[in-house]
Amino acid sequence: MRFARTAAAAVFAALLIPTTTAHAAPAAAAPGDTVTAPVRDLLAHLPVRTEDRTGYERSKFRHWIDADRDGCNTRAEVLKAEAVIAPTQGPNCVLSGGRWYSPYDDRYLDGPRGLDIDHLVPLAEAWDSGAFAWTAGEREAYANDLGDDRALIAVSASSNRSKADQDPSTWLPPATGYRCTYVTDWVADKTRWGLSVDAAEQSTLEGVLGDCPDVPVTVIPAR
């Protein structure tokens, strides 16, 4: 089934204004187009479906890969990009030192050992929301998405493991000041990959965003 691709195209066709042109929105946004819409509009047009985890295995999302073959895998690339004090890079891209900020729990961490790289929309949640219908290559691309800074984020291992595979209906960042950013990025990531939401997830997102600025969100469709 390829319903996710169809759903994403419908959302973009109905809502999104290309940021690269002043003309009317195209009939459908192709992967790679740059498009923008208010976050509440994006949420309102995400398809709502019951989730099903049948067949899910984490191994179906291959990660971490070294896509550009520079010796550093996806995890290391995120750590290097998000460091507030750059780490030292040794042979085989072994990182030491450095400092990071974990927005989920409003903490600074020294050295990479206490950090996890979180898939903002967890792999299991992506599976439930449409990735079960993807090819292995699409799931690998999702699991290693360096094309959107919102997709992968370095956070404390404790906060990431507290979140696990939960969606916002059952887990939100303990740092309340980050929640507007978190749910906005969640909607952007689901829009980018043409994923659905379930009813409880949609209700929670609406509730949180109701107290947040209705900011314009720019998304580059990945599918």
Foldseek 3Di string as FASTA:
>chain_A
DQVLVVLLQVLQQVFWDFPVDPDDRDNGADFQTKTKGFLVSLLVSFAADFFDLPPDDPVLQDDFADVVPPLDTLFLVQCQVAFPFGFDADPSRDTFWTKHAAQLAGDIDTTQPQKDKAQLQHLSNQCRFPCVPPDSVVSNCLVRPPPDNLGIHIHGPVQRVVCPNPAQLVDARPNVVCRLVSLSSVSQSCSQASTHHHPSNSVSSCVVCVPPPRDMDMHRRND
